[in-house]
Structures are given as structure tokens and as C-alpha cells.
Amino acid sequence: MNFNQKIWAFTARIPKGQVTTYGAIAHALGSRAYRAVGNALRQNPYAPQVPCHRVVGSDGRLTGFAQGIARKRQMLQAEGIPVSADRVTVDQFYSFAG
């Protein structure tokens, strides 16, 4: 499995109603390449099965999304994730366990 495939596999594990960060995915894969995570998700051929809309910046900010930030906000809110000023709270962060 190449690095992008690993990123997509980890992203697919994020449960509905939670988000994670680009850095958390990189860290879970033993890397610090959070920008590579963003690049892989930008190329995500498996959306919406691989829910890249559930990945946010380290400060909770809604960041790049192929369909636009407004659509990302709408999708997250539809899953019950509160979004304020285009940010989510840390309470909504998913932690990868093993």
C-alpha cells in the first residue's frame, strides 16, 4: 500500500460526527508530513466513502475541500458537528487508537 492509500484507509475510519486533523493522520502513519496528507485527500478518488470532509486544520479550522468550504461546513453540520466561524471544537476530534 502506498502512502496515499494508507491516508485514505485511515481517513475512512473517522466516524460520522467526529473530525481529525491532517497532522493526526500523518502522526498515526508514523510521519510528520501533514501537507502530504492534504495533497492525498485533495486527490481522494473514493469520496464520500473516504470522508475527507472530516479532516480539519490543527486549530479546528475548515480547510481546503474540493467542493468548497461552504459545502464542507454543510456536510459536517449535517453529521451533527457544530461549526462556528468555520471552526470545529476540540471536543469533536477523533483520536486514532492503534
PDB file of N, CA and C in Angstrom:
ATOM      1  N   MET A   1       0.848  -1.172   0.000  1.00  0.00           N
ATOM      2  CA  MET A   1       0.000   0.000   0.000  1.00  0.00           C
ATOM      3  C   MET A   1       0.899   1.242   0.000  1.00  0.00           C
ATOM      4  N   ASN A   2       0.655   2.171  -0.930  1.00  0.00           N
ATOM      5  CA  ASN A   2       1.472   3.384  -0.939  1.00  0.00           C
ATOM      6  C   ASN A   2       0.950   4.381   0.104  1.00  0.00           C
ATOM      7  N   PHE A   3       1.675   5.487   0.283  1.00  0.00           N
ATOM      8  CA  PHE A   3       1.345   6.444   1.339  1.00  0.00           C
ATOM      9  C   PHE A   3      -0.065   7.016   1.154  1.00  0.00           C
ATOM     10  N   ASN A   4      -0.436   7.375  -0.062  1.00  0.00           N
ATOM     11  CA  ASN A   4      -1.781   7.912  -0.300  1.00  0.00           C
ATOM     12  C   ASN A   4      -2.850   6.894   0.078  1.00  0.00           C
ATOM     13  N   GLN A   5      -2.645   5.645  -0.282  1.00  0.00           N
ATOM     14  CA  GLN A   5      -3.621   4.603   0.052  1.00  0.00           C
ATOM     15  C   GLN A   5      -3.757   4.438   1.566  1.00  0.00           C
ATOM     16  N   LYS A   6      -2.641   4.552   2.278  1.00  0.00           N
ATOM     17  CA  LYS A   6      -2.687   4.477   3.744  1.00  0.00           C
ATOM     18  C   LYS A   6      -3.476   5.655   4.314  1.00  0.00           C
ATOM     19  N   ILE A   7      -3.274   6.830   3.743  1.00  0.00           N
ATOM     20  CA  ILE A   7      -4.010   8.021   4.186  1.00  0.00           C
ATOM     21  C   ILE A   7      -5.504   7.819   3.974  1.00  0.00           C
ATOM     22  N   TRP A   8      -5.886   7.340   2.793  1.00  0.00           N
ATOM     23  CA  TRP A   8      -7.306   7.121   2.507  1.00  0.00           C
ATOM     24  C   TRP A   8      -7.892   6.067   3.441  1.00  0.00           C
ATOM     25  N   ALA A   9      -7.122   5.024   3.742  1.00  0.00           N
ATOM     26  CA  ALA A   9      -7.601   3.977   4.650  1.00  0.00           C
ATOM     27  C   ALA A   9      -7.828   4.534   6.056  1.00  0.00           C
ATOM     28  N   PHE A  10      -6.905   5.361   6.542  1.00  0.00           N
ATOM     29  CA  PHE A  10      -7.080   5.962   7.867  1.00  0.00           C
ATOM     30  C   PHE A  10      -8.258   6.922   7.871  1.00  0.00           C
ATOM     31  N   THR A  11      -8.389   7.706   6.827  1.00  0.00           N
ATOM     32  CA  THR A  11      -9.482   8.675   6.750  1.00  0.00           C
ATOM     33  C   THR A  11     -10.832   7.963   6.740  1.00  0.00           C
ATOM     34  N   ALA A  12     -10.892   6.813   6.121  1.00  0.00           N
ATOM     35  CA  ALA A  12     -12.137   6.042   6.070  1.00  0.00           C
ATOM     36  C   ALA A  12     -12.589   5.597   7.461  1.00  0.00           C
ATOM     37  N   ARG A  13     -11.684   5.587   8.431  1.00  0.00           N
ATOM     38  CA  ARG A  13     -12.009   5.151   9.795  1.00  0.00           C
ATOM     39  C   ARG A  13     -12.606   6.253  10.665  1.00  0.00           C
ATOM     40  N   ILE A  14     -12.610   7.486  10.198  1.00  0.00           N
ATOM     41  CA  ILE A  14     -13.132   8.586  11.014  1.00  0.00           C
ATOM     42  C   ILE A  14     -14.652   8.437  11.098  1.00  0.00           C
ATOM     43  N   PRO A  15     -15.183   8.252  12.297  1.00  0.00           N
ATOM     44  CA  PRO A  15     -16.624   8.037  12.414  1.00  0.00           C
ATOM     45  C   PRO A  15     -17.439   9.299  12.132  1.00  0.00           C
ATOM     46  N   LYS A  16     -18.637   9.085  11.684  1.00  0.00           N
ATOM     47  CA  LYS A  16     -19.577  10.181  11.477  1.00  0.00           C
ATOM     48  C   LYS A  16     -19.738  10.931  12.799  1.00  0.00           C
ATOM     49  N   GLY A  17     -19.740  12.253  12.729  1.00  0.00           N
ATOM     50  CA  GLY A  17     -19.896  13.064  13.931  1.00  0.00           C
ATOM     51  C   GLY A  17     -18.590  13.442  14.587  1.00  0.00           C
ATOM     52  N   GLN A  18     -17.457  13.050  13.990  1.00  0.00           N
ATOM     53  CA  GLN A  18     -16.151  13.415  14.529  1.00  0.00           C
ATOM     54  C   GLN A  18     -15.242  13.860  13.396  1.00  0.00           C
ATOM     55  N   VAL A  19     -14.197  14.573  13.767  1.00  0.00           N
ATOM     56  CA  VAL A  19     -13.195  15.022  12.803  1.00  0.00           C
ATOM     57  C   VAL A  19     -11.813  14.689  13.331  1.00  0.00           C
ATOM     58  N   THR A  20     -10.833  14.801  12.467  1.00  0.00           N
ATOM     59  CA  THR A  20      -9.444  14.690  12.877  1.00  0.00           C
ATOM     60  C   THR A  20      -8.651  15.709  12.072  1.00  0.00           C
ATOM     61  N   THR A  21      -7.365  15.770  12.322  1.00  0.00           N
ATOM     62  CA  THR A  21      -6.528  16.748  11.633  1.00  0.00           C
ATOM     63  C   THR A  21      -5.593  16.062  10.645  1.00  0.00           C
ATOM     64  N   TYR A  22      -5.080  16.859   9.723  1.00  0.00           N
ATOM     65  CA  TYR A  22      -4.087  16.358   8.774  1.00  0.00           C
ATOM     66  C   TYR A  22      -2.879  15.827   9.545  1.00  0.00           C
ATOM     67  N   GLY A  23      -2.472  16.555  10.574  1.00  0.00           N
ATOM     68  CA  GLY A  23      -1.328  16.146  11.382  1.00  0.00           C
ATOM     69  C   GLY A  23      -1.561  14.850  12.133  1.00  0.00           C
ATOM     70  N   ALA A  24      -2.782  14.648  12.633  1.00  0.00           N
ATOM     71  CA  ALA A  24      -3.089  13.413  13.365  1.00  0.00           C
ATOM     72  C   ALA A  24      -3.013  12.202  12.444  1.00  0.00           C
ATOM     73  N   ILE A  25      -3.456  12.373  11.209  1.00  0.00           N
ATOM     74  CA  ILE A  25      -3.360  11.270  10.249  1.00  0.00           C
ATOM     75  C   ILE A  25      -1.895  10.983   9.948  1.00  0.00           C
ATOM     76  N   ALA A  26      -1.116  12.030   9.705  1.00  0.00           N
ATOM     77  CA  ALA A  26       0.316  11.846   9.441  1.00  0.00           C
ATOM     78  C   ALA A  26       0.980  11.136  10.619  1.00  0.00           C
ATOM     79  N   HIS A  27       0.697  11.606  11.836  1.00  0.00           N
ATOM     80  CA  HIS A  27       1.287  11.017  13.040  1.00  0.00           C
ATOM     81  C   HIS A  27       0.903   9.538  13.173  1.00  0.00           C
ATOM     82  N   ALA A  28      -0.358   9.217  12.913  1.00  0.00           N
ATOM     83  CA  ALA A  28      -0.817   7.826  13.003  1.00  0.00           C
ATOM     84  C   ALA A  28      -0.084   6.932  12.010  1.00  0.00           C
ATOM     85  N   LEU A  29       0.395   7.544  10.928  1.00  0.00           N
ATOM     86  CA  LEU A  29       1.134   6.784   9.916  1.00  0.00           C
ATOM     87  C   LEU A  29       2.647   6.847  10.136  1.00  0.00           C
ATOM     88  N   GLY A  30       3.062   7.410  11.278  1.00  0.00           N
ATOM     89  CA  GLY A  30       4.483   7.478  11.596  1.00  0.00           C
ATOM     90  C   GLY A  30       5.224   8.541  10.814  1.00  0.00           C
ATOM     91  N   SER A  31       4.517   9.595  10.449  1.00  0.00           N
ATOM     92  CA  SER A  31       5.110  10.653   9.635  1.00  0.00           C
ATOM     93  C   SER A  31       4.767  12.015  10.232  1.00  0.00           C
ATOM     94  N   ARG A  32       5.456  13.043   9.760  1.00  0.00           N
ATOM     95  CA  ARG A  32       5.104  14.416  10.124  1.00  0.00           C
ATOM     96  C   ARG A  32       4.646  15.181   8.887  1.00  0.00           C
ATOM     97  N   ALA A  33       4.401  14.464   7.818  1.00  0.00           N
ATOM     98  CA  ALA A  33       4.087  15.066   6.517  1.00  0.00           C
ATOM     99  C   ALA A  33       2.601  15.395   6.390  1.00  0.00           C
ATOM    100  N   TYR A  34       2.145  16.358   7.205  1.00  0.00           N
ATOM    101  CA  TYR A  34       0.728  16.706   7.170  1.00  0.00           C
ATOM    102  C   TYR A  34       0.318  17.313   5.836  1.00  0.00           C
ATOM    103  N   ARG A  35       1.239  17.980   5.157  1.00  0.00           N
ATOM    104  CA  ARG A  35       0.909  18.535   3.835  1.00  0.00           C
ATOM    105  C   ARG A  35       0.691  17.426   2.810  1.00  0.00           C
ATOM    106  N   ALA A  36       1.437  16.345   2.943  1.00  0.00           N
ATOM    107  CA  ALA A  36       1.240  15.196   2.050  1.00  0.00           C
ATOM    108  C   ALA A  36      -0.146  14.595   2.275  1.00  0.00           C
ATOM    109  N   VAL A  37      -0.606  14.632   3.524  1.00  0.00           N
ATOM    110  CA  VAL A  37      -1.960  14.154   3.824  1.00  0.00           C
ATOM    111  C   VAL A  37      -2.974  15.021   3.085  1.00  0.00           C
ATOM    112  N   GLY A  38      -2.796  16.339   3.159  1.00  0.00           N
ATOM    113  CA  GLY A  38      -3.692  17.247   2.443  1.00  0.00           C
ATOM    114  C   GLY A  38      -3.684  17.006   0.949  1.00  0.00           C
ATOM    115  N   ASN A  39      -2.497  16.787   0.402  1.00  0.00           N
ATOM    116  CA  ASN A  39      -2.393  16.521  -1.038  1.00  0.00           C
ATOM    117  C   ASN A  39      -3.101  15.223  -1.416  1.00  0.00           C
ATOM    118  N   ALA A  40      -2.937  14.196  -0.602  1.00  0.00           N
ATOM    119  CA  ALA A  40      -3.598  12.915  -0.888  1.00  0.00           C
ATOM    120  C   ALA A  40      -5.116  13.067  -0.825  1.00  0.00           C
ATOM    121  N   LEU A  41      -5.591  13.802   0.172  1.00  0.00           N
ATOM    122  CA  LEU A  41      -7.038  13.972   0.301  1.00  0.00           C
ATOM    123  C   LEU A  41      -7.597  14.840  -0.823  1.00  0.00           C
ATOM    124  N   ARG A  42      -6.803  15.746  -1.325  1.00  0.00           N
ATOM    125  CA  ARG A  42      -7.222  16.564  -2.467  1.00  0.00           C
ATOM    126  C   ARG A  42      -7.438  15.680  -3.697  1.00  0.00           C
ATOM    127  N   GLN A  43      -6.713  14.558  -3.749  1.00  0.00           N
ATOM    128  CA  GLN A  43      -6.804  13.626  -4.879  1.00  0.00           C
ATOM    129  C   GLN A  43      -7.713  12.434  -4.571  1.00  0.00           C
ATOM    130  N   ASN A  44      -8.435  12.494  -3.473  1.00  0.00           N
ATOM    131  CA  ASN A  44      -9.260  11.389  -2.986  1.00  0.00           C
ATOM    132  C   ASN A  44     -10.237  10.883  -4.054  1.00  0.00           C
ATOM    133  N   PRO A  45      -9.997   9.697  -4.605  1.00  0.00           N
ATOM    134  CA  PRO A  45     -10.907   9.158  -5.619  1.00  0.00           C
ATOM    135  C   PRO A  45     -12.092   8.394  -5.015  1.00  0.00           C
ATOM    136  N   TYR A  46     -12.127   8.292  -3.695  1.00  0.00           N
ATOM    137  CA  TYR A  46     -13.130   7.456  -3.036  1.00  0.00           C
ATOM    138  C   TYR A  46     -14.192   8.232  -2.253  1.00  0.00           C
ATOM    139  N   ALA A  47     -14.244   9.545  -2.429  1.00  0.00           N
ATOM    140  CA  ALA A  47     -15.252  10.342  -1.714  1.00  0.00           C
ATOM    141  C   ALA A  47     -16.637   9.948  -2.216  1.00  0.00           C
ATOM    142  N   PRO A  48     -17.633   9.864  -1.387  1.00  0.00           N
ATOM    143  CA  PRO A  48     -17.653  10.183   0.042  1.00  0.00           C
ATOM    144  C   PRO A  48     -17.356   8.990   0.955  1.00  0.00           C
ATOM    145  N   GLN A  49     -17.046   7.800   0.387  1.00  0.00           N
ATOM    146  CA  GLN A  49     -16.715   6.651   1.243  1.00  0.00           C
ATOM    147  C   GLN A  49     -15.481   6.939   2.092  1.00  0.00           C
ATOM    148  N   VAL A  50     -14.540   7.687   1.554  1.00  0.00           N
ATOM    149  CA  VAL A  50     -13.404   8.183   2.334  1.00  0.00           C
ATOM    150  C   VAL A  50     -13.747   9.641   2.638  1.00  0.00           C
ATOM    151  N   PRO A  51     -14.214   9.906   3.859  1.00  0.00           N
ATOM    152  CA  PRO A  51     -14.807  11.199   4.195  1.00  0.00           C
ATOM    153  C   PRO A  51     -13.793  12.310   4.472  1.00  0.00           C
ATOM    154  N   CYS A  52     -13.170  12.807   3.429  1.00  0.00           N
ATOM    155  CA  CYS A  52     -12.145  13.836   3.615  1.00  0.00           C
ATOM    156  C   CYS A  52     -12.720  15.128   4.194  1.00  0.00           C
ATOM    157  N   HIS A  53     -14.036  15.291   4.153  1.00  0.00           N
ATOM    158  CA  HIS A  53     -14.638  16.479   4.772  1.00  0.00           C
ATOM    159  C   HIS A  53     -14.495  16.449   6.294  1.00  0.00           C
ATOM    160  N   ARG A  54     -14.144  15.300   6.861  1.00  0.00           N
ATOM    161  CA  ARG A  54     -13.968  15.171   8.312  1.00  0.00           C
ATOM    162  C   ARG A  54     -12.539  15.473   8.759  1.00  0.00           C
ATOM    163  N   VAL A  55     -11.725  16.001   7.870  1.00  0.00           N
ATOM    164  CA  VAL A  55     -10.340  16.345   8.213  1.00  0.00           C
ATOM    165  C   VAL A  55     -10.223  17.864   8.209  1.00  0.00           C
ATOM    166  N   VAL A  56      -9.705  18.398   9.321  1.00  0.00           N
ATOM    167  CA  VAL A  56      -9.609  19.848   9.506  1.00  0.00           C
ATOM    168  C   VAL A  56      -8.185  20.234   9.894  1.00  0.00           C
ATOM    169  N   GLY A  57      -7.938  21.530   9.951  1.00  0.00           N
ATOM    170  CA  GLY A  57      -6.635  22.027  10.379  1.00  0.00           C
ATOM    171  C   GLY A  57      -6.403  21.766  11.858  1.00  0.00           C
ATOM    172  N   SER A  58      -5.171  21.904  12.305  1.00  0.00           N
ATOM    173  CA  SER A  58      -4.813  21.600  13.694  1.00  0.00           C
ATOM    174  C   SER A  58      -5.540  22.482  14.701  1.00  0.00           C
ATOM    175  N   ASP A  59      -5.995  23.650  14.267  1.00  0.00           N
ATOM    176  CA  ASP A  59      -6.733  24.551  15.146  1.00  0.00           C
ATOM    177  C   ASP A  59      -8.248  24.388  15.001  1.00  0.00           C
ATOM    178  N   GLY A  60      -8.670  23.359  14.272  1.00  0.00           N
ATOM    179  CA  GLY A  60     -10.089  23.117  14.069  1.00  0.00           C
ATOM    180  C   GLY A  60     -10.681  23.849  12.883  1.00  0.00           C
ATOM    181  N   ARG A  61      -9.857  24.614  12.208  1.00  0.00           N
ATOM    182  CA  ARG A  61     -10.342  25.402  11.071  1.00  0.00           C
ATOM    183  C   ARG A  61     -10.690  24.503   9.887  1.00  0.00           C
ATOM    184  N   LEU A  62     -11.791  24.828   9.228  1.00  0.00           N
ATOM    185  CA  LEU A  62     -12.155  24.132   7.999  1.00  0.00           C
ATOM    186  C   LEU A  62     -11.197  24.603   6.916  1.00  0.00           C
ATOM    187  N   THR A  63     -10.536  23.656   6.292  1.00  0.00           N
ATOM    188  CA  THR A  63      -9.539  23.991   5.274  1.00  0.00           C
ATOM    189  C   THR A  63      -9.911  23.321   3.963  1.00  0.00           C
ATOM    190  N   GLY A  64      -9.048  23.476   2.980  1.00  0.00           N
ATOM    191  CA  GLY A  64      -9.288  23.022   1.622  1.00  0.00           C
ATOM    192  C   GLY A  64     -10.222  21.843   1.444  1.00  0.00           C
ATOM    193  N   PHE A  65     -11.149  22.009   0.524  1.00  0.00           N
ATOM    194  CA  PHE A  65     -12.110  20.957   0.200  1.00  0.00           C
ATOM    195  C   PHE A  65     -12.526  21.179  -1.242  1.00  0.00           C
ATOM    196  N   ALA A  66     -12.490  20.127  -2.042  1.00  0.00           N
ATOM    197  CA  ALA A  66     -12.748  20.252  -3.480  1.00  0.00           C
ATOM    198  C   ALA A  66     -14.084  20.927  -3.781  1.00  0.00           C
ATOM    199  N   GLN A  67     -15.081  20.685  -2.942  1.00  0.00           N
ATOM    200  CA  GLN A  67     -16.407  21.263  -3.172  1.00  0.00           C
ATOM    201  C   GLN A  67     -16.598  22.602  -2.471  1.00  0.00           C
ATOM    202  N   GLY A  68     -15.541  23.113  -1.848  1.00  0.00           N
ATOM    203  CA  GLY A  68     -15.606  24.412  -1.183  1.00  0.00           C
ATOM    204  C   GLY A  68     -15.892  24.303   0.308  1.00  0.00           C
ATOM    205  N   ILE A  69     -15.473  25.335   1.033  1.00  0.00           N
ATOM    206  CA  ILE A  69     -15.626  25.367   2.489  1.00  0.00           C
ATOM    207  C   ILE A  69     -17.104  25.366   2.891  1.00  0.00           C
ATOM    208  N   ALA A  70     -17.941  26.078   2.142  1.00  0.00           N
ATOM    209  CA  ALA A  70     -19.370  26.120   2.484  1.00  0.00           C
ATOM    210  C   ALA A  70     -19.973  24.716   2.443  1.00  0.00           C
ATOM    211  N   ARG A  71     -19.595  23.927   1.460  1.00  0.00           N
ATOM    212  CA  ARG A  71     -20.099  22.549   1.356  1.00  0.00           C
ATOM    213  C   ARG A  71     -19.544  21.687   2.488  1.00  0.00           C
ATOM    214  N   LYS A  72     -18.271  21.873   2.828  1.00  0.00           N
ATOM    215  CA  LYS A  72     -17.666  21.124   3.928  1.00  0.00           C
ATOM    216  C   LYS A  72     -18.408  21.445   5.230  1.00  0.00           C
ATOM    217  N   ARG A  73     -18.663  22.721   5.474  1.00  0.00           N
ATOM    218  CA  ARG A  73     -19.402  23.146   6.660  1.00  0.00           C
ATOM    219  C   ARG A  73     -20.783  22.477   6.692  1.00  0.00           C
ATOM    220  N   GLN A  74     -21.467  22.504   5.575  1.00  0.00           N
ATOM    221  CA  GLN A  74     -22.802  21.915   5.473  1.00  0.00           C
ATOM    222  C   GLN A  74     -22.767  20.410   5.776  1.00  0.00           C
ATOM    223  N   MET A  75     -21.786  19.711   5.231  1.00  0.00           N
ATOM    224  CA  MET A  75     -21.676  18.265   5.451  1.00  0.00           C
ATOM    225  C   MET A  75     -21.397  17.949   6.919  1.00  0.00           C
ATOM    226  N   LEU A  76     -20.501  18.715   7.540  1.00  0.00           N
ATOM    227  CA  LEU A  76     -20.179  18.484   8.947  1.00  0.00           C
ATOM    228  C   LEU A  76     -21.387  18.775   9.832  1.00  0.00           C
ATOM    229  N   GLN A  77     -22.067  19.872   9.566  1.00  0.00           N
ATOM    230  CA  GLN A  77     -23.247  20.214  10.361  1.00  0.00           C
ATOM    231  C   GLN A  77     -24.343  19.164  10.195  1.00  0.00           C
ATOM    232  N   ALA A  78     -24.481  18.610   9.000  1.00  0.00           N
ATOM    233  CA  ALA A  78     -25.473  17.557   8.758  1.00  0.00           C
ATOM    234  C   ALA A  78     -25.160  16.303   9.574  1.00  0.00           C
ATOM    235  N   GLU A  79     -23.888  16.129   9.952  1.00  0.00           N
ATOM    236  CA  GLU A  79     -23.474  14.988  10.777  1.00  0.00           C
ATOM    237  C   GLU A  79     -23.533  15.321  12.267  1.00  0.00           C
ATOM    238  N   GLY A  80     -24.005  16.525  12.591  1.00  0.00           N
ATOM    239  CA  GLY A  80     -24.132  16.908  13.993  1.00  0.00           C
ATOM    240  C   GLY A  80     -22.906  17.574  14.579  1.00  0.00           C
ATOM    241  N   ILE A  81     -21.959  17.950  13.746  1.00  0.00           N
ATOM    242  CA  ILE A  81     -20.749  18.611  14.230  1.00  0.00           C
ATOM    243  C   ILE A  81     -20.990  20.118  14.234  1.00  0.00           C
ATOM    244  N   PRO A  82     -20.916  20.749  15.419  1.00  0.00           N
ATOM    245  CA  PRO A  82     -21.111  22.192  15.463  1.00  0.00           C
ATOM    246  C   PRO A  82     -19.923  22.923  14.831  1.00  0.00           C
ATOM    247  N   VAL A  83     -20.227  23.880  13.980  1.00  0.00           N
ATOM    248  CA  VAL A  83     -19.203  24.678  13.312  1.00  0.00           C
ATOM    249  C   VAL A  83     -19.502  26.139  13.605  1.00  0.00           C
ATOM    250  N   SER A  84     -18.506  26.848  14.108  1.00  0.00           N
ATOM    251  CA  SER A  84     -18.655  28.270  14.393  1.00  0.00           C
ATOM    252  C   SER A  84     -17.462  29.003  13.813  1.00  0.00           C
ATOM    253  N   ALA A  85     -17.723  30.038  13.032  1.00  0.00           N
ATOM    254  CA  ALA A  85     -16.662  30.818  12.382  1.00  0.00           C
ATOM    255  C   ALA A  85     -15.730  29.897  11.590  1.00  0.00           C
ATOM    256  N   ASP A  86     -16.330  28.914  10.909  1.00  0.00           N
ATOM    257  CA  ASP A  86     -15.596  27.940  10.100  1.00  0.00           C
ATOM    258  C   ASP A  86     -14.537  27.173  10.886  1.00  0.00           C
ATOM    259  N   ARG A  87     -14.870  26.862  12.147  1.00  0.00           N
ATOM    260  CA  ARG A  87     -14.029  26.020  13.002  1.00  0.00           C
ATOM    261  C   ARG A  87     -14.907  25.024  13.749  1.00  0.00           C
ATOM    262  N   VAL A  88     -14.294  23.895  14.080  1.00  0.00           N
ATOM    263  CA  VAL A  88     -14.946  22.923  14.958  1.00  0.00           C
ATOM    264  C   VAL A  88     -14.201  22.935  16.282  1.00  0.00           C
ATOM    265  N   THR A  89     -14.844  22.443  17.331  1.00  0.00           N
ATOM    266  CA  THR A  89     -14.186  22.431  18.636  1.00  0.00           C
ATOM    267  C   THR A  89     -13.385  21.148  18.819  1.00  0.00           C
ATOM    268  N   VAL A  90     -12.446  21.212  19.718  1.00  0.00           N
ATOM    269  CA  VAL A  90     -11.582  20.062  20.001  1.00  0.00           C
ATOM    270  C   VAL A  90     -12.408  18.869  20.489  1.00  0.00           C
ATOM    271  N   ASP A  91     -13.571  19.119  21.082  1.00  0.00           N
ATOM    272  CA  ASP A  91     -14.430  18.032  21.572  1.00  0.00           C
ATOM    273  C   ASP A  91     -14.810  17.066  20.460  1.00  0.00           C
ATOM    274  N   GLN A  92     -14.812  17.544  19.247  1.00  0.00           N
ATOM    275  CA  GLN A  92     -15.249  16.744  18.113  1.00  0.00           C
ATOM    276  C   GLN A  92     -14.110  15.932  17.490  1.00  0.00           C
ATOM    277  N   PHE A  93     -12.877  16.069  18.023  1.00  0.00           N
ATOM    278  CA  PHE A  93     -11.729  15.418  17.400  1.00  0.00           C
ATOM    279  C   PHE A  93     -11.716  13.926  17.697  1.00  0.00           C
ATOM    280  N   TYR A  94     -11.441  13.156  16.667  1.00  0.00           N
ATOM    281  CA  TYR A  94     -11.324  11.707  16.765  1.00  0.00           C
ATOM    282  C   TYR A  94      -9.862  11.358  16.979  1.00  0.00           C
ATOM    283  N   SER A  95      -9.609  10.443  17.884  1.00  0.00           N
ATOM    284  CA  SER A  95      -8.246  10.002  18.149  1.00  0.00           C
ATOM    285  C   SER A  95      -8.064   8.587  17.607  1.00  0.00           C
ATOM    286  N   PHE A  96      -7.066   8.412  16.760  1.00  0.00           N
ATOM    287  CA  PHE A  96      -6.786   7.084  16.219  1.00  0.00           C
ATOM    288  C   PHE A  96      -6.143   6.237  17.296  1.00  0.00           C
ATOM    289  N   ALA A  97      -6.734   5.106  17.577  1.00  0.00           N
ATOM    290  CA  ALA A  97      -6.181   4.188  18.567  1.00  0.00           C
ATOM    291  C   ALA A  97      -5.661   2.958  17.836  1.00  0.00           C
ATOM    292  N   GLY A  98      -4.337   2.849  17.823  1.00  0.00           N
ATOM    293  CA  GLY A  98      -3.707   1.690  17.224  1.00  0.00           C
ATOM    294  C   GLY A  98      -3.948   1.476  15.842  1.00  0.00           C
TER     295      GLY A  98
END
